[in-house]
Protein backbone atom coordinates (compact mmCIF):
# COMPACT_ATOMS: atom_id res chain seq x y z
CA MET A 1 16.09 14.78 -13.77
CA GLU A 2 12.86 14.31 -12.50
CA GLN A 3 13.36 12.93 -9.25
CA SER A 4 11.68 9.66 -7.76
CA LEU A 5 8.59 8.98 -5.65
CA PHE A 6 10.47 7.28 -3.61
CA ALA A 7 12.66 10.17 -2.27
CA LYS A 8 9.30 12.74 -2.87
CA PHE A 9 8.16 10.55 0.17
CA GLY A 10 11.01 11.05 1.82
CA GLY A 11 12.54 7.64 1.48
CA VAL A 12 11.79 5.03 4.60
CA GLU A 13 11.90 8.28 7.05
CA GLY A 14 8.72 10.28 4.97
CA LEU A 15 6.96 6.18 4.33
CA THR A 16 7.03 4.97 7.24
CA PRO A 17 3.93 7.78 8.14
CA VAL A 18 2.41 7.72 5.44
CA VAL A 19 1.95 3.13 5.58
CA ASP A 20 0.54 3.98 9.79
CA GLU A 21 -1.84 6.82 8.85
CA PHE A 22 -2.53 4.56 5.76
CA TYR A 23 -3.32 1.20 8.43
CA LYS A 24 -4.83 3.17 11.06
CA ARG A 25 -7.74 3.59 8.03
CA VAL A 26 -7.62 0.70 6.28
CA LEU A 27 -8.46 -0.64 9.83
CA GLY A 28 -10.89 1.00 11.41
CA ASP A 29 -13.14 0.72 8.00
CA GLU A 30 -15.07 -2.75 8.22
CA THR A 31 -15.40 -3.31 4.93
CA VAL A 32 -11.82 -5.23 4.83
CA ASN A 33 -10.12 -4.84 9.04
CA SER A 34 -11.26 -8.29 9.67
CA PHE A 35 -8.42 -9.33 6.53
CA PHE A 36 -6.12 -8.62 9.38
CA LYS A 37 -7.22 -9.86 12.38
CA HIS A 38 -4.76 -12.95 12.81
CA THR A 39 -2.37 -10.18 11.01
CA ASP A 40 1.57 -9.31 12.88
CA LEU A 41 0.84 -5.73 12.08
CA GLU A 42 4.30 -4.44 13.15
CA GLN A 43 5.87 -6.97 10.65
CA LEU A 44 3.80 -6.04 7.51
CA ARG A 45 4.07 -2.10 8.10
CA ARG A 46 7.26 -3.10 7.44
CA HIS A 47 6.80 -5.35 4.71
CA GLN A 48 4.89 -2.68 3.56
CA THR A 49 7.03 -0.34 4.09
CA HIS A 50 9.57 -1.76 1.80
CA PHE A 51 7.69 -2.66 -0.37
CA LEU A 52 6.30 1.33 -1.49
CA SER A 53 9.79 1.74 -0.89
CA PHE A 54 10.80 -0.73 -4.21
CA ALA A 55 7.14 -0.04 -6.38
CA LEU A 56 8.66 4.14 -5.74
CA GLY A 57 11.50 3.59 -7.35
CA GLY A 58 14.14 3.31 -4.26
CA PRO A 59 16.53 -0.20 -2.89
CA ASN A 60 14.73 -3.08 -3.45
CA GLN A 61 14.04 -3.68 0.19
CA TYR A 62 11.14 -6.28 -0.36
CA THR A 63 11.85 -9.82 0.72
CA GLY A 64 8.24 -10.47 1.51
CA ARG A 65 6.22 -13.10 0.06
CA SER A 66 4.38 -12.40 -4.39
CA MET A 67 0.72 -10.18 -4.20
CA GLU A 68 -0.88 -13.93 -5.43
CA LYS A 69 0.79 -16.03 -2.19
CA ALA A 70 -0.05 -12.93 0.30
CA HIS A 71 -3.72 -12.83 -0.57
CA GLN A 72 -3.80 -16.40 -1.27
CA GLY A 73 -7.02 -17.93 0.10
CA LEU A 74 -8.46 -13.91 1.77
CA ASN A 75 -11.25 -14.20 -1.69
CA LEU A 76 -10.42 -10.76 -1.93
CA GLN A 77 -13.57 -8.94 -4.19
CA PRO A 78 -13.25 -5.75 -6.19
CA GLU A 79 -15.53 -3.96 -3.19
CA HIS A 80 -12.13 -4.92 -1.34
CA PHE A 81 -10.10 -3.13 -3.29
CA GLN A 82 -11.52 -0.45 -3.86
CA ALA A 83 -12.21 0.55 -0.11
CA ILE A 84 -8.18 -0.48 0.37
CA ALA A 85 -7.65 2.05 -2.78
CA LYS A 86 -9.32 4.58 -1.42
CA HIS A 87 -7.84 4.64 2.50
CA LEU A 88 -4.82 5.10 -0.34
CA GLN A 89 -5.99 8.17 -1.84
CA GLY A 90 -7.00 9.40 1.47
CA THR A 91 -3.68 8.70 3.22
CA LEU A 92 -1.49 10.21 0.13
CA GLU A 93 -3.74 13.61 0.31
CA HIS A 94 -3.56 13.91 3.74
CA PHE A 95 0.20 13.85 3.75
CA ASN A 96 -0.54 17.00 1.16
CA ILE A 97 0.77 15.03 -1.68
CA GLY A 98 -0.30 15.78 -5.25
CA GLN A 99 -2.97 14.87 -7.71
CA GLU A 100 0.36 13.53 -10.50
CA ASP A 101 2.29 11.93 -7.92
CA ILE A 102 -0.95 10.34 -7.23
CA ALA A 103 -2.27 8.87 -10.23
CA LYS A 104 1.67 8.22 -10.52
CA VAL A 105 0.85 5.86 -7.83
CA PHE A 106 -1.67 4.70 -7.95
CA GLU A 107 -0.43 3.51 -12.11
CA LEU A 108 1.62 1.15 -10.16
CA ILE A 109 -0.71 -0.17 -7.77
CA VAL A 110 -3.58 -0.57 -10.21
CA PRO A 111 -1.98 -3.70 -12.02
CA LEU A 112 -1.70 -5.70 -9.24
CA GLU A 113 -4.82 -5.99 -8.83
CA SER A 114 -5.27 -9.31 -11.03
CA SER A 115 -2.76 -10.88 -8.50
CA ILE A 116 -4.70 -9.64 -5.64
CA LEU A 117 -8.27 -10.38 -5.96
CA HIS A 118 -10.63 -13.81 -5.81
CA LYS A 119 -6.73 -15.74 -4.95
């Protein structure tokens, strides 16, 4: 039986440093960091960890807003989505996640693009 991505990442404990590294990269990128100016970053990290836990096959802990509501009024464009994807890719590579598993993560994330852009 194939192990879930959630288990491969080490559960919530394993995802927490991944989320921290991801936001370190995002917040250092002028292309997208302005979207987080007025954001409670600790709450955002918790929500992102819970969202990823659920998305990667872990327990359903995510109780945040829908993708559409979470990004409403931001008018995110393709270049913003691409910047975030680049940081996610780099973060996963930083944690030595294999290319096959990175591709699986992107299979889960890319379909969300239409729920995020131009809202």
